[in-house]
Structures are given as C-alpha cells and as structure tokens.
N, C-alpha and C. Protein backbone atom coordinates (compact mmCIF):
# COMPACT_ATOMS: atom_id res chain seq x y z
N UNK A 1 3.22 19.85 19.04
CA UNK A 1 3.39 18.60 18.41
C UNK A 1 2.83 18.26 16.85
N UNK A 2 3.89 17.81 16.16
CA UNK A 2 3.47 17.83 14.88
C UNK A 2 2.33 16.64 14.51
N UNK A 3 1.44 17.26 13.89
CA UNK A 3 -0.07 15.97 13.55
C UNK A 3 -0.44 15.56 12.29
N UNK A 4 -0.59 14.54 12.03
CA UNK A 4 -0.79 14.09 10.50
C UNK A 4 -2.18 13.44 10.75
N UNK A 5 -3.12 13.78 9.65
CA UNK A 5 -4.44 13.13 9.89
C UNK A 5 -4.20 12.57 8.46
N UNK A 6 -4.90 11.44 8.65
CA UNK A 6 -5.52 10.45 7.59
C UNK A 6 -6.60 10.21 7.29
N UNK A 7 -7.06 10.38 5.64
CA UNK A 7 -8.57 10.17 5.48
C UNK A 7 -8.42 8.71 5.40
N UNK A 8 -9.76 8.31 5.81
CA UNK A 8 -10.16 6.73 5.26
C UNK A 8 -10.64 6.73 4.30
N UNK A 9 -10.34 5.95 2.98
CA UNK A 9 -11.12 5.99 1.98
C UNK A 9 -12.23 4.78 1.82
N UNK A 10 -12.14 4.11 3.27
CA UNK A 10 -13.55 3.31 3.25
C UNK A 10 -14.60 3.46 3.75
N UNK A 11 -14.15 4.46 5.02
CA UNK A 11 -15.70 5.10 5.54
C UNK A 11 -15.49 6.53 5.58
N UNK A 12 -16.41 7.03 5.30
CA UNK A 12 -16.61 8.33 4.69
C UNK A 12 -16.67 9.79 6.12
N UNK A 13 -16.15 10.31 6.02
CA UNK A 13 -15.23 11.33 7.43
C UNK A 13 -15.05 10.77 8.13
N UNK A 14 -14.13 9.67 8.42
CA UNK A 14 -13.61 9.26 9.51
C UNK A 14 -11.52 9.43 9.07
N UNK A 15 -11.23 10.00 10.26
CA UNK A 15 -10.08 10.49 10.21
C UNK A 15 -9.34 9.74 11.44
N UNK A 16 -7.81 9.65 11.04
CA UNK A 16 -6.87 9.06 11.90
C UNK A 16 -6.00 10.04 12.29
N UNK A 17 -5.85 10.56 13.28
CA UNK A 17 -4.59 11.28 13.66
C UNK A 17 -3.36 10.86 14.41
N UNK A 18 -2.23 11.06 13.98
CA UNK A 18 -0.78 10.31 14.65
C UNK A 18 0.06 11.28 14.72
N UNK A 19 1.16 11.35 15.02
CA UNK A 19 2.33 12.54 15.26
C UNK A 19 3.54 12.15 14.21
N UNK A 20 3.17 10.87 13.56
CA UNK A 20 4.47 10.35 12.43
C UNK A 20 3.62 9.55 11.78
N UNK A 21 4.31 9.28 10.35
CA UNK A 21 3.61 8.64 9.35
C UNK A 21 3.87 7.03 9.62
N UNK A 22 4.96 6.50 10.58
CA UNK A 22 5.12 5.41 11.33
C UNK A 22 4.66 4.81 12.10
N UNK A 23 3.74 5.88 12.84
CA UNK A 23 2.69 5.54 13.91
C UNK A 23 1.54 4.26 13.10
N UNK A 24 0.83 4.62 11.79
CA UNK A 24 0.14 4.30 11.25
C UNK A 24 0.46 2.36 11.24
N UNK A 25 1.92 1.98 11.58
CA UNK A 25 1.92 0.76 11.20
C UNK A 25 1.79 0.24 12.81
N UNK A 26 1.61 1.23 13.79
CA UNK A 26 1.09 0.61 15.14
C UNK A 26 -0.68 0.56 15.35
N UNK A 27 -1.08 0.86 14.21
CA UNK A 27 -2.73 0.64 14.65
C UNK A 27 -2.68 -0.71 14.98
N UNK A 28 -3.93 -1.05 15.59
CA UNK A 28 -4.57 -2.28 15.80
C UNK A 28 -4.69 -2.60 14.59
N UNK A 29 -4.70 -3.84 14.46
CA UNK A 29 -4.82 -4.65 12.84
C UNK A 29 -6.31 -4.66 12.30
N UNK A 30 -7.33 -4.68 13.54
CA UNK A 30 -8.67 -4.80 13.54
C UNK A 30 -9.07 -3.33 12.76
N UNK A 31 -8.79 -2.05 13.85
CA UNK A 31 -8.73 -0.62 12.69
C UNK A 31 -8.09 -0.55 11.46
N UNK A 32 -7.26 -1.23 11.22
CA UNK A 32 -6.54 -0.96 9.87
C UNK A 32 -7.24 -1.75 8.75
N UNK A 33 -8.10 -2.83 9.35
CA UNK A 33 -8.79 -3.28 8.42
C UNK A 33 -9.98 -2.66 8.11
N UNK A 34 -10.69 -1.73 9.41
CA UNK A 34 -12.01 -1.30 9.20
C UNK A 34 -12.09 -0.05 8.77
N UNK A 35 -10.62 0.45 8.31
CA UNK A 35 -10.90 1.92 7.77
C UNK A 35 -10.12 1.96 6.27
N UNK A 36 -9.58 0.68 6.06
CA UNK A 36 -8.84 0.45 4.74
C UNK A 36 -8.00 1.50 4.41
N UNK A 37 -7.72 1.92 3.21
CA UNK A 37 -6.65 2.46 2.81
C UNK A 37 -6.34 4.35 3.25
N UNK A 38 -5.77 4.47 3.54
CA UNK A 38 -5.52 5.76 4.73
C UNK A 38 -4.86 6.66 3.41
N UNK A 39 -5.41 7.94 3.26
CA UNK A 39 -4.45 8.95 2.59
C UNK A 39 -4.22 10.55 3.62
N UNK A 40 -3.17 10.95 3.23
CA UNK A 40 -2.93 11.96 4.05
C UNK A 40 -3.92 13.36 3.56
N UNK A 41 -4.80 13.75 4.71
CA UNK A 41 -5.60 14.76 4.34
C UNK A 41 -4.73 16.36 4.35
N UNK A 42 -4.11 16.51 5.98
CA UNK A 42 -3.30 17.36 6.53
C UNK A 42 -2.49 17.17 7.06
N UNK A 43 -1.54 18.30 7.57
CA UNK A 43 -0.45 18.24 8.61
C UNK A 43 -0.55 19.59 9.38
N UNK A 44 -0.57 19.78 10.56
CA UNK A 44 -0.58 21.18 11.51
C UNK A 44 0.08 20.63 12.92
N UNK A 45 0.49 21.71 13.64
CA UNK A 45 0.71 21.86 14.83
C UNK A 45 0.13 21.78 15.72
N UNK A 46 0.03 20.38 16.36
CA UNK A 46 -1.56 20.52 17.50
C UNK A 46 -0.82 20.97 18.69
N UNK A 47 -1.44 21.90 19.52
CA UNK A 47 -1.28 22.33 20.89
C UNK A 47 -2.75 22.02 21.79
N UNK A 48 -2.63 22.28 22.97
CA UNK A 48 -3.77 21.81 23.33
C UNK A 48 -5.03 23.14 23.44
N UNK A 49 -4.40 23.97 23.13
CA UNK A 49 -5.42 25.35 23.19
C UNK A 49 -5.81 25.33 21.41
N UNK A 50 -5.72 24.48 20.74
CA UNK A 50 -5.84 25.01 19.09
C UNK A 50 -7.54 24.61 18.69
N UNK A 51 -7.99 25.57 18.19
CA UNK A 51 -9.33 24.86 17.59
C UNK A 51 -9.47 24.18 16.52
N UNK A 52 -9.82 22.98 17.09
CA UNK A 52 -10.25 21.55 15.94
C UNK A 52 -12.04 22.02 15.67
N UNK A 53 -12.19 21.56 14.09
CA UNK A 53 -13.51 21.80 13.64
C UNK A 53 -14.33 20.66 14.85
N UNK A 54 -14.05 19.61 14.77
CA UNK A 54 -14.88 18.50 15.21
C UNK A 54 -14.80 17.36 16.70
N UNK A 55 -13.18 17.96 17.30
CA UNK A 55 -12.31 17.43 18.26
C UNK A 55 -11.81 18.34 19.48
N UNK A 56 -11.67 17.95 20.47
CA UNK A 56 -11.23 18.72 21.63
C UNK A 56 -9.37 18.46 21.18
N UNK A 57 -8.65 19.34 21.17
CA UNK A 57 -7.74 19.09 21.03
C UNK A 57 -6.58 18.48 22.01
N UNK A 58 -7.08 18.52 23.40
CA UNK A 58 -6.50 18.24 24.67
C UNK A 58 -6.47 16.65 24.40
N UNK A 59 -8.24 16.41 23.91
CA UNK A 59 -8.30 14.74 23.94
C UNK A 59 -7.51 14.23 22.65
N UNK A 60 -7.42 15.07 22.01
CA UNK A 60 -6.31 14.09 20.74
C UNK A 60 -5.08 14.43 20.98
N UNK A 61 -4.39 14.80 21.88
CA UNK A 61 -3.19 15.17 22.02
C UNK A 61 -2.88 13.87 23.11
N UNK A 62 -4.35 13.56 24.50
CA UNK A 62 -4.01 12.82 25.10
C UNK A 62 -4.10 11.21 24.51
N UNK A 63 -4.58 11.31 23.56
CA UNK A 63 -4.82 10.12 22.62
C UNK A 63 -3.24 9.72 22.03
N UNK A 64 -3.07 10.95 21.40
CA UNK A 64 -1.44 10.48 20.53
C UNK A 64 -0.48 9.89 21.62
N UNK A 65 -0.18 10.62 22.91
CA UNK A 65 0.52 10.28 23.75
C UNK A 65 0.19 8.93 24.38
N UNK A 66 -1.05 8.40 24.66
CA UNK A 66 -1.50 7.58 25.46
C UNK A 66 -1.48 6.15 24.50
N UNK A 67 -2.45 6.04 23.23
CA UNK A 67 -2.40 4.93 22.14
C UNK A 67 -1.53 5.15 21.03
N UNK A 68 -0.81 6.33 20.57
CA UNK A 68 0.02 6.68 19.85
C UNK A 68 -1.08 7.21 18.57
N UNK A 69 -2.44 7.07 18.53
CA UNK A 69 -3.06 7.51 17.51
C UNK A 69 -4.56 7.79 18.29
N UNK A 70 -5.56 8.94 17.26
CA UNK A 70 -6.77 9.33 17.76
C UNK A 70 -7.78 9.09 16.37
N UNK A 71 -8.54 8.58 16.33
CA UNK A 71 -9.82 8.33 15.42
C UNK A 71 -10.35 9.35 15.69
N UNK A 72 -10.90 10.06 14.50
CA UNK A 72 -12.24 10.92 14.39
C UNK A 72 -13.23 10.21 13.38
N UNK A 73 -14.45 10.07 14.39
CA UNK A 73 -15.23 8.98 13.43
C UNK A 73 -16.51 10.44 13.08
N UNK A 74 -17.48 9.94 11.68
CA UNK A 74 -18.13 10.93 11.79
C UNK A 74 -19.30 11.26 12.64
N UNK A 75 -19.75 12.27 12.66
CA UNK A 75 -20.85 12.71 13.86
C UNK A 75 -22.17 12.00 13.85
N UNK A 76 -22.38 11.38 14.54
CA UNK A 76 -23.99 10.74 14.38
C UNK A 76 -25.04 11.60 13.03
N UNK A 77 -25.72 10.79 12.67
CA UNK A 77 -26.79 11.21 12.12
C UNK A 77 -28.08 11.32 13.12
N UNK A 78 -28.33 13.01 12.65
CA UNK A 78 -29.78 13.50 13.24
C UNK A 78 -30.70 13.55 12.15
N UNK A 79 -31.74 12.61 12.94
CA UNK A 79 -32.93 12.81 11.90
C UNK A 79 -33.95 13.32 12.77
N UNK A 80 -34.73 14.32 12.04
CA UNK A 80 -35.29 15.50 11.88
C UNK A 80 -36.58 14.40 12.64
N UNK A 81 -37.34 15.25 14.01
CA UNK A 81 -38.22 14.71 14.39
C UNK A 81 -39.70 15.20 14.02
N UNK A 82 -40.68 14.61 14.06
CA UNK A 82 -41.77 15.31 13.27
C UNK A 82 -42.38 16.61 14.33
N UNK A 83 -42.68 17.65 13.50
CA UNK A 83 -43.64 18.60 14.52
C UNK A 83 -44.67 18.47 14.86
N UNK A 84 -44.55 18.21 16.36
CA UNK A 84 -46.08 18.36 16.91
C UNK A 84 -47.05 19.06 16.06
N UNK A 85 -47.11 20.04 16.09
CA UNK A 85 -48.12 21.04 15.63
C UNK A 85 -48.85 21.11 14.31
N UNK A 86 -48.05 20.17 13.54
CA UNK A 86 -48.04 20.08 12.24
C UNK A 86 -49.66 19.10 12.21
C-alpha cells in the first residue's frame, strides 16, 4: 500500500500517515485543529514487514485500514535520574 506521511507544523515530531491525500479531509476535526497545517514529508510503499524508525508497520497498516489514518506522536521525554553513587 502506498503511504503518505505528513508533518505537523504546529507539533514538532508529530506525523500523520494516510493512504491517499483525500484521507486528510476525513481526519477528526479535533485532530485537525490540534495538528495545524500539515505538509507532506515523504511517500513510500508500506508493507507489514517494512522497518520504520519509530512505528510498527503492521500497526500503521491496521490503523490505515480501520481508521483511515495513523498518528505518530513524539517519543516521551526521558529525564535522566540522578546517579545514586554521586
């Protein structure tokens, strides 16, 4: 399946995956408002076994088929714990 990834210009490191550009018009209004303007970042062929940097390809495919989109949020911030030996 061809996959188009859009970058949120309002929320850093947040991306929306869709199968076609028309799917953007079917995003929930709350999501559209929260993400702001979206700009195309890349297109690629998505298969269940494809390696993605921060997502599971099978999960993305399932969301595309069930919801029509998949949102990739930024990873949670990791706060370093203090060194107990210091």
